[in-house]
Amino acid sequence: MPDRTVAEASILNIETLKRFTPVSDPLHAAVGQSLEDVPPGSSLLLAVSGGVDSLTLLHVLWELAPARQLRPVVGHFNHAQRERSDWEACWVAAHCSALGAECIIDRFEGKVVATAREEWARQARYAFLERAADKTDCQWLVTGHTRDDQVE
């Protein structure tokens, strides 16, 4: 992965964070309510794709974690199947770096059979998340989806 891509992602991320407005109170409340069963001192692995839904969840969770004594860890799986896949991994890493969040990223190396591509991607992502949770000693997995994205 070229250093230039990492630098561009970092610069974009810093500019984005400067313009980032506080997330709405209803969203904080909804995420907070979903964390009610998570005991203080727990470590949570947050699956971050780099999309708006997971990055918003990252920022909300990051804001809520200290008061709840939670340790959020970001996990990103680069499927390496699209032209921007490497850039998206850098984007996630840059967000984590700007926040000071622990981040674990893995990249698929290989060839994917064209049939059942979505199912393969889901299985590969969750296998990575399981390995990442073990490696980072996370007891909880957190995912963020928009209302129209309920496949998983």
N, C-alpha and C. Protein backbone atom coordinates (compact mmCIF):
# COMPACT_ATOMS: atom_id res chain seq x y z
N MET A 1 0.85 -1.16 0.00
CA MET A 1 0.00 0.00 0.00
C MET A 1 0.91 1.24 0.00
N PRO A 2 0.75 2.12 -0.96
CA PRO A 2 1.63 3.29 -1.04
C PRO A 2 1.43 4.23 0.15
N ASP A 3 2.55 4.85 0.59
CA ASP A 3 2.48 5.81 1.69
C ASP A 3 1.60 6.99 1.35
N ARG A 4 1.56 7.35 0.07
CA ARG A 4 0.76 8.49 -0.36
C ARG A 4 -0.71 8.28 0.00
N THR A 5 -1.22 7.08 -0.18
CA THR A 5 -2.61 6.78 0.14
C THR A 5 -2.87 6.97 1.62
N VAL A 6 -1.96 6.49 2.46
CA VAL A 6 -2.11 6.65 3.90
C VAL A 6 -2.12 8.12 4.26
N ALA A 7 -1.20 8.90 3.69
CA ALA A 7 -1.12 10.33 3.98
C ALA A 7 -2.40 11.04 3.55
N GLU A 8 -2.91 10.71 2.36
CA GLU A 8 -4.15 11.33 1.88
C GLU A 8 -5.30 11.01 2.81
N ALA A 9 -5.41 9.75 3.23
CA ALA A 9 -6.49 9.37 4.13
C ALA A 9 -6.38 10.11 5.45
N SER A 10 -5.17 10.25 5.97
CA SER A 10 -4.97 10.95 7.24
C SER A 10 -5.36 12.41 7.13
N ILE A 11 -4.98 13.06 6.03
CA ILE A 11 -5.32 14.47 5.84
C ILE A 11 -6.82 14.63 5.71
N LEU A 12 -7.46 13.80 4.90
CA LEU A 12 -8.91 13.86 4.75
C LEU A 12 -9.59 13.63 6.09
N ASN A 13 -9.09 12.68 6.85
CA ASN A 13 -9.71 12.36 8.12
C ASN A 13 -9.64 13.54 9.08
N ILE A 14 -8.52 14.18 9.19
CA ILE A 14 -8.37 15.32 10.10
C ILE A 14 -9.32 16.43 9.70
N GLU A 15 -9.42 16.71 8.40
CA GLU A 15 -10.35 17.75 7.94
C GLU A 15 -11.79 17.35 8.22
N THR A 16 -12.12 16.10 8.04
CA THR A 16 -13.48 15.63 8.33
C THR A 16 -13.78 15.77 9.81
N LEU A 17 -12.85 15.38 10.65
CA LEU A 17 -13.10 15.47 12.09
C LEU A 17 -13.24 16.91 12.55
N LYS A 18 -12.56 17.85 11.89
CA LYS A 18 -12.70 19.25 12.25
C LYS A 18 -14.12 19.74 11.98
N ARG A 19 -14.74 19.19 10.94
CA ARG A 19 -16.10 19.60 10.58
C ARG A 19 -17.16 18.73 11.25
N PHE A 20 -16.75 17.70 11.93
CA PHE A 20 -17.69 16.75 12.52
C PHE A 20 -18.54 17.44 13.57
N THR A 21 -19.83 17.35 13.41
CA THR A 21 -20.74 17.95 14.39
C THR A 21 -21.18 16.88 15.37
N PRO A 22 -21.50 17.25 16.58
CA PRO A 22 -21.90 16.25 17.56
C PRO A 22 -23.08 15.42 17.06
N VAL A 23 -23.04 14.15 17.35
CA VAL A 23 -24.09 13.24 16.93
C VAL A 23 -25.33 13.53 17.78
N SER A 24 -26.49 13.27 17.21
CA SER A 24 -27.74 13.62 17.87
C SER A 24 -27.93 12.89 19.20
N ASP A 25 -28.62 13.56 20.12
CA ASP A 25 -28.92 12.95 21.42
C ASP A 25 -29.73 11.66 21.28
N PRO A 26 -30.72 11.58 20.36
CA PRO A 26 -31.45 10.31 20.21
C PRO A 26 -30.54 9.14 19.82
N LEU A 27 -29.54 9.43 19.00
CA LEU A 27 -28.61 8.36 18.60
C LEU A 27 -27.76 7.94 19.79
N HIS A 28 -27.26 8.91 20.55
CA HIS A 28 -26.51 8.57 21.77
C HIS A 28 -27.38 7.73 22.70
N ALA A 29 -28.63 8.12 22.85
CA ALA A 29 -29.54 7.39 23.74
C ALA A 29 -29.77 5.97 23.24
N ALA A 30 -29.97 5.81 21.94
CA ALA A 30 -30.21 4.48 21.38
C ALA A 30 -29.00 3.57 21.55
N VAL A 31 -27.81 4.11 21.26
CA VAL A 31 -26.59 3.30 21.43
C VAL A 31 -26.37 3.00 22.91
N GLY A 32 -26.57 4.01 23.75
CA GLY A 32 -26.43 3.81 25.19
C GLY A 32 -27.36 2.73 25.70
N GLN A 33 -28.59 2.73 25.21
CA GLN A 33 -29.55 1.70 25.63
C GLN A 33 -29.10 0.32 25.19
N SER A 34 -28.52 0.22 24.00
CA SER A 34 -28.06 -1.09 23.52
C SER A 34 -26.85 -1.59 24.32
N LEU A 35 -26.18 -0.69 25.04
CA LEU A 35 -25.02 -1.07 25.84
C LEU A 35 -25.36 -1.39 27.29
N GLU A 36 -26.64 -1.32 27.64
CA GLU A 36 -27.04 -1.51 29.04
C GLU A 36 -26.61 -2.85 29.63
N ASP A 37 -26.58 -3.90 28.81
CA ASP A 37 -26.21 -5.23 29.32
C ASP A 37 -24.70 -5.46 29.33
N VAL A 38 -23.93 -4.50 28.83
CA VAL A 38 -22.48 -4.64 28.76
C VAL A 38 -21.89 -4.14 30.08
N PRO A 39 -21.24 -5.03 30.83
CA PRO A 39 -20.69 -4.62 32.13
C PRO A 39 -19.49 -3.66 31.99
N PRO A 40 -19.33 -2.76 32.95
CA PRO A 40 -18.16 -1.87 32.95
C PRO A 40 -16.87 -2.71 32.90
N GLY A 41 -15.88 -2.18 32.21
CA GLY A 41 -14.61 -2.88 32.08
C GLY A 41 -14.56 -3.81 30.88
N SER A 42 -15.68 -3.93 30.15
CA SER A 42 -15.72 -4.82 28.98
C SER A 42 -14.98 -4.21 27.80
N SER A 43 -14.47 -5.09 26.95
CA SER A 43 -13.86 -4.68 25.69
C SER A 43 -14.80 -5.04 24.55
N LEU A 44 -15.00 -4.09 23.64
CA LEU A 44 -15.93 -4.28 22.53
C LEU A 44 -15.18 -4.16 21.21
N LEU A 45 -15.39 -5.11 20.34
CA LEU A 45 -14.83 -5.03 18.99
C LEU A 45 -15.89 -4.43 18.09
N LEU A 46 -15.59 -3.29 17.52
CA LEU A 46 -16.51 -2.59 16.65
C LEU A 46 -16.12 -2.84 15.21
N ALA A 47 -17.01 -3.49 14.45
CA ALA A 47 -16.76 -3.75 13.04
C ALA A 47 -16.98 -2.46 12.26
N VAL A 48 -15.92 -1.94 11.65
CA VAL A 48 -16.01 -0.68 10.92
C VAL A 48 -15.63 -0.92 9.46
N SER A 49 -16.59 -0.65 8.58
CA SER A 49 -16.35 -0.82 7.15
C SER A 49 -15.73 0.41 6.52
N GLY A 50 -15.95 1.56 7.15
CA GLY A 50 -15.52 2.83 6.57
C GLY A 50 -16.70 3.62 6.04
N GLY A 51 -17.89 3.01 6.07
CA GLY A 51 -19.11 3.69 5.64
C GLY A 51 -19.66 4.59 6.74
N VAL A 52 -20.64 5.38 6.39
CA VAL A 52 -21.22 6.34 7.31
C VAL A 52 -21.80 5.67 8.55
N ASP A 53 -22.49 4.54 8.37
CA ASP A 53 -23.14 3.89 9.52
C ASP A 53 -22.12 3.43 10.57
N SER A 54 -21.08 2.75 10.13
CA SER A 54 -20.12 2.24 11.12
C SER A 54 -19.22 3.34 11.68
N LEU A 55 -18.89 4.35 10.88
CA LEU A 55 -18.08 5.46 11.40
C LEU A 55 -18.87 6.31 12.39
N THR A 56 -20.15 6.48 12.14
CA THR A 56 -20.99 7.20 13.10
C THR A 56 -21.05 6.43 14.41
N LEU A 57 -21.25 5.13 14.30
CA LEU A 57 -21.28 4.30 15.51
C LEU A 57 -19.94 4.37 16.25
N LEU A 58 -18.84 4.37 15.52
CA LEU A 58 -17.52 4.51 16.15
C LEU A 58 -17.45 5.79 16.97
N HIS A 59 -17.87 6.91 16.39
CA HIS A 59 -17.79 8.19 17.09
C HIS A 59 -18.71 8.22 18.32
N VAL A 60 -19.90 7.68 18.18
CA VAL A 60 -20.83 7.65 19.32
C VAL A 60 -20.28 6.75 20.42
N LEU A 61 -19.84 5.56 20.05
CA LEU A 61 -19.29 4.62 21.04
C LEU A 61 -18.06 5.21 21.71
N TRP A 62 -17.22 5.89 20.94
CA TRP A 62 -16.02 6.52 21.49
C TRP A 62 -16.38 7.56 22.55
N GLU A 63 -17.46 8.31 22.29
CA GLU A 63 -17.91 9.32 23.25
C GLU A 63 -18.53 8.70 24.50
N LEU A 64 -19.23 7.58 24.34
CA LEU A 64 -19.92 6.94 25.47
C LEU A 64 -19.00 6.05 26.31
N ALA A 65 -17.94 5.54 25.72
CA ALA A 65 -17.10 4.54 26.38
C ALA A 65 -16.50 4.97 27.71
N PRO A 66 -15.92 6.16 27.84
CA PRO A 66 -15.28 6.51 29.11
C PRO A 66 -16.23 6.47 30.31
N ALA A 67 -17.41 7.04 30.17
CA ALA A 67 -18.37 7.07 31.28
C ALA A 67 -18.84 5.66 31.65
N ARG A 68 -18.83 4.77 30.68
CA ARG A 68 -19.28 3.39 30.92
C ARG A 68 -18.11 2.44 31.18
N GLN A 69 -16.91 2.98 31.20
CA GLN A 69 -15.69 2.21 31.44
C GLN A 69 -15.55 1.05 30.44
N LEU A 70 -15.74 1.37 29.17
CA LEU A 70 -15.64 0.38 28.11
C LEU A 70 -14.39 0.63 27.28
N ARG A 71 -13.86 -0.43 26.72
CA ARG A 71 -12.68 -0.34 25.86
C ARG A 71 -13.09 -0.72 24.43
N PRO A 72 -13.32 0.30 23.58
CA PRO A 72 -13.66 -0.02 22.19
C PRO A 72 -12.41 -0.30 21.37
N VAL A 73 -12.48 -1.33 20.54
CA VAL A 73 -11.41 -1.68 19.61
C VAL A 73 -12.06 -1.77 18.23
N VAL A 74 -11.41 -1.22 17.24
CA VAL A 74 -11.95 -1.23 15.88
C VAL A 74 -11.36 -2.39 15.10
N GLY A 75 -12.23 -3.09 14.39
CA GLY A 75 -11.81 -4.15 13.49
C GLY A 75 -12.28 -3.84 12.07
N HIS A 76 -11.36 -3.88 11.11
CA HIS A 76 -11.71 -3.62 9.71
C HIS A 76 -11.15 -4.74 8.85
N PHE A 77 -12.01 -5.34 8.05
CA PHE A 77 -11.57 -6.39 7.13
C PHE A 77 -11.60 -5.84 5.71
N ASN A 78 -10.44 -5.80 5.08
CA ASN A 78 -10.30 -5.33 3.70
C ASN A 78 -10.48 -6.55 2.80
N HIS A 79 -11.63 -6.61 2.13
CA HIS A 79 -11.91 -7.74 1.24
C HIS A 79 -11.05 -7.71 -0.02
N ALA A 80 -10.46 -6.56 -0.31
CA ALA A 80 -9.56 -6.39 -1.47
C ALA A 80 -10.25 -6.78 -2.78
N GLN A 81 -11.52 -6.44 -2.90
CA GLN A 81 -12.27 -6.81 -4.09
C GLN A 81 -12.71 -5.60 -4.92
N ARG A 82 -12.44 -4.41 -4.42
CA ARG A 82 -12.81 -3.19 -5.15
C ARG A 82 -11.60 -2.29 -5.26
N GLU A 83 -11.64 -1.41 -6.22
CA GLU A 83 -10.51 -0.50 -6.46
C GLU A 83 -10.18 0.34 -5.23
N ARG A 84 -11.19 0.74 -4.46
CA ARG A 84 -10.97 1.62 -3.31
C ARG A 84 -10.79 0.87 -1.99
N SER A 85 -10.68 -0.43 -2.03
CA SER A 85 -10.59 -1.21 -0.78
C SER A 85 -9.41 -0.80 0.09
N ASP A 86 -8.24 -0.63 -0.52
CA ASP A 86 -7.07 -0.23 0.27
C ASP A 86 -7.24 1.18 0.83
N TRP A 87 -7.81 2.07 0.02
CA TRP A 87 -8.04 3.43 0.49
C TRP A 87 -9.00 3.42 1.69
N GLU A 88 -10.06 2.61 1.61
CA GLU A 88 -11.02 2.53 2.72
C GLU A 88 -10.35 2.03 4.00
N ALA A 89 -9.44 1.07 3.88
CA ALA A 89 -8.71 0.58 5.05
C ALA A 89 -7.88 1.72 5.65
N CYS A 90 -7.26 2.53 4.80
CA CYS A 90 -6.49 3.70 5.28
C CYS A 90 -7.42 4.72 5.93
N TRP A 91 -8.59 4.90 5.38
CA TRP A 91 -9.59 5.84 5.93
C TRP A 91 -9.97 5.42 7.34
N VAL A 92 -10.23 4.13 7.54
CA VAL A 92 -10.58 3.62 8.87
C VAL A 92 -9.39 3.80 9.81
N ALA A 93 -8.20 3.45 9.36
CA ALA A 93 -7.00 3.60 10.19
C ALA A 93 -6.79 5.06 10.58
N ALA A 94 -7.05 5.98 9.66
CA ALA A 94 -6.87 7.40 9.94
C ALA A 94 -7.88 7.88 10.98
N HIS A 95 -9.12 7.43 10.88
CA HIS A 95 -10.12 7.77 11.90
C HIS A 95 -9.66 7.28 13.27
N CYS A 96 -9.21 6.05 13.31
CA CYS A 96 -8.76 5.47 14.58
C CYS A 96 -7.57 6.23 15.14
N SER A 97 -6.64 6.57 14.28
CA SER A 97 -5.47 7.32 14.71
C SER A 97 -5.86 8.68 15.27
N ALA A 98 -6.77 9.36 14.60
CA ALA A 98 -7.21 10.68 15.07
C ALA A 98 -7.91 10.60 16.42
N LEU A 99 -8.65 9.52 16.65
CA LEU A 99 -9.34 9.35 17.92
C LEU A 99 -8.44 8.77 19.02
N GLY A 100 -7.39 8.08 18.59
CA GLY A 100 -6.56 7.35 19.55
C GLY A 100 -7.12 5.98 19.83
N ALA A 101 -7.92 5.47 18.92
CA ALA A 101 -8.57 4.17 19.10
C ALA A 101 -7.67 3.03 18.63
N GLU A 102 -7.69 1.96 19.38
CA GLU A 102 -6.97 0.74 18.97
C GLU A 102 -7.67 0.19 17.73
N CYS A 103 -6.88 -0.27 16.76
CA CYS A 103 -7.44 -0.71 15.49
C CYS A 103 -6.70 -1.93 14.98
N ILE A 104 -7.46 -2.91 14.52
CA ILE A 104 -6.85 -4.09 13.91
C ILE A 104 -7.45 -4.24 12.51
N ILE A 105 -6.56 -4.35 11.52
CA ILE A 105 -6.98 -4.44 10.12
C ILE A 105 -6.35 -5.66 9.50
N ASP A 106 -7.15 -6.37 8.71
CA ASP A 106 -6.62 -7.51 7.98
C ASP A 106 -7.07 -7.37 6.52
N ARG A 107 -6.30 -7.96 5.62
CA ARG A 107 -6.57 -7.86 4.17
C ARG A 107 -6.63 -9.26 3.59
N PHE A 108 -7.67 -9.53 2.82
CA PHE A 108 -7.80 -10.80 2.13
C PHE A 108 -6.80 -10.88 1.00
N GLU A 109 -6.10 -11.98 0.95
CA GLU A 109 -5.15 -12.22 -0.14
C GLU A 109 -5.59 -13.51 -0.83
N GLY A 110 -6.02 -13.41 -2.05
CA GLY A 110 -6.46 -14.59 -2.78
C GLY A 110 -7.48 -14.24 -3.84
N LYS A 111 -8.09 -15.26 -4.38
CA LYS A 111 -9.07 -15.09 -5.43
C LYS A 111 -10.43 -15.59 -4.94
N VAL A 112 -11.46 -14.85 -5.29
CA VAL A 112 -12.81 -15.20 -4.88
C VAL A 112 -13.57 -15.73 -6.08
N VAL A 113 -14.29 -16.83 -5.88
CA VAL A 113 -15.15 -17.37 -6.93
C VAL A 113 -16.33 -16.41 -7.07
N ALA A 114 -16.71 -16.11 -8.29
CA ALA A 114 -17.74 -15.10 -8.55
C ALA A 114 -19.11 -15.46 -7.95
N THR A 115 -19.42 -16.74 -7.85
CA THR A 115 -20.73 -17.12 -7.32
C THR A 115 -20.76 -16.94 -5.80
N ALA A 116 -21.86 -16.53 -5.28
CA ALA A 116 -22.08 -16.35 -3.84
C ALA A 116 -21.06 -15.38 -3.22
N ARG A 117 -20.73 -14.34 -3.94
CA ARG A 117 -19.73 -13.38 -3.50
C ARG A 117 -20.12 -12.70 -2.18
N GLU A 118 -21.38 -12.30 -2.05
CA GLU A 118 -21.84 -11.63 -0.82
C GLU A 118 -21.74 -12.56 0.38
N GLU A 119 -22.12 -13.79 0.20
CA GLU A 119 -22.05 -14.76 1.30
C GLU A 119 -20.59 -15.02 1.68
N TRP A 120 -19.72 -15.15 0.68
CA TRP A 120 -18.30 -15.32 0.96
C TRP A 120 -17.78 -14.14 1.77
N ALA A 121 -18.13 -12.92 1.33
CA ALA A 121 -17.63 -11.71 2.00
C ALA A 121 -18.08 -11.69 3.46
N ARG A 122 -19.32 -12.03 3.71
CA ARG A 122 -19.85 -12.05 5.08
C ARG A 122 -19.10 -13.08 5.93
N GLN A 123 -18.92 -14.29 5.39
CA GLN A 123 -18.21 -15.34 6.13
C GLN A 123 -16.77 -14.94 6.41
N ALA A 124 -16.10 -14.37 5.41
CA ALA A 124 -14.70 -13.95 5.60
C ALA A 124 -14.61 -12.85 6.65
N ARG A 125 -15.54 -11.89 6.60
CA ARG A 125 -15.55 -10.78 7.56
C ARG A 125 -15.77 -11.29 8.98
N TYR A 126 -16.74 -12.17 9.17
CA TYR A 126 -17.00 -12.65 10.52
C TYR A 126 -15.91 -13.59 11.03
N ALA A 127 -15.25 -14.32 10.15
CA ALA A 127 -14.10 -15.13 10.57
C ALA A 127 -12.98 -14.21 11.05
N PHE A 128 -12.75 -13.11 10.32
CA PHE A 128 -11.75 -12.12 10.75
C PHE A 128 -12.14 -11.52 12.10
N LEU A 129 -13.41 -11.13 12.25
CA LEU A 129 -13.85 -10.51 13.50
C LEU A 129 -13.69 -11.46 14.68
N GLU A 130 -13.91 -12.73 14.46
CA GLU A 130 -13.71 -13.71 15.54
C GLU A 130 -12.23 -13.78 15.93
N ARG A 131 -11.34 -13.82 14.92
CA ARG A 131 -9.89 -13.83 15.20
C ARG A 131 -9.47 -12.54 15.90
N ALA A 132 -9.99 -11.40 15.42
CA ALA A 132 -9.64 -10.11 16.00
C ALA A 132 -10.11 -10.01 17.44
N ALA A 133 -11.31 -10.50 17.72
CA ALA A 133 -11.83 -10.47 19.09
C ALA A 133 -10.95 -11.31 20.01
N ASP A 134 -10.54 -12.48 19.54
CA ASP A 134 -9.63 -13.32 20.34
C ASP A 134 -8.30 -12.62 20.57
N LYS A 135 -7.75 -12.03 19.51
CA LYS A 135 -6.44 -11.38 19.59
C LYS A 135 -6.45 -10.17 20.52
N THR A 136 -7.56 -9.44 20.56
CA THR A 136 -7.64 -8.20 21.34
C THR A 136 -8.41 -8.39 22.65
N ASP A 137 -8.78 -9.63 22.94
CA ASP A 137 -9.50 -9.95 24.18
C ASP A 137 -10.81 -9.18 24.32
N CYS A 138 -11.56 -9.09 23.22
CA CYS A 138 -12.86 -8.43 23.23
C CYS A 138 -13.96 -9.46 23.47
N GLN A 139 -14.87 -9.14 24.37
CA GLN A 139 -15.96 -10.04 24.71
C GLN A 139 -17.25 -9.74 23.93
N TRP A 140 -17.32 -8.58 23.32
CA TRP A 140 -18.54 -8.14 22.64
C TRP A 140 -18.22 -7.70 21.22
N LEU A 141 -19.14 -7.98 20.29
CA LEU A 141 -19.02 -7.53 18.91
C LEU A 141 -20.12 -6.51 18.64
N VAL A 142 -19.73 -5.37 18.09
CA VAL A 142 -20.67 -4.29 17.80
C VAL A 142 -20.65 -4.03 16.30
N THR A 143 -21.83 -4.02 15.69
CA THR A 143 -21.94 -3.68 14.27
C THR A 143 -22.97 -2.56 14.13
N GLY A 144 -22.82 -1.77 13.09
CA GLY A 144 -23.76 -0.69 12.83
C GLY A 144 -24.34 -0.83 11.44
N HIS A 145 -25.64 -0.74 11.36
CA HIS A 145 -26.34 -0.85 10.07
C HIS A 145 -27.44 0.20 9.99
N THR A 146 -27.68 0.67 8.79
CA THR A 146 -28.81 1.55 8.59
C THR A 146 -30.08 0.71 8.53
N ARG A 147 -31.24 1.35 8.62
CA ARG A 147 -32.51 0.61 8.63
C ARG A 147 -32.69 -0.27 7.40
N ASP A 148 -32.20 0.17 6.25
CA ASP A 148 -32.40 -0.61 5.03
C ASP A 148 -31.26 -1.60 4.78
N ASP A 149 -30.38 -1.77 5.74
CA ASP A 149 -29.24 -2.68 5.60
C ASP A 149 -29.30 -3.70 6.73
N GLN A 150 -30.23 -4.63 6.63
CA GLN A 150 -30.45 -5.58 7.71
C GLN A 150 -30.08 -7.01 7.32
N VAL A 151 -29.25 -7.17 6.31
CA VAL A 151 -28.87 -8.51 5.86
C VAL A 151 -28.18 -9.29 6.96
N GLU A 152 -27.28 -8.63 7.70
CA GLU A 152 -26.52 -9.33 8.73
C GLU A 152 -27.24 -9.27 10.05
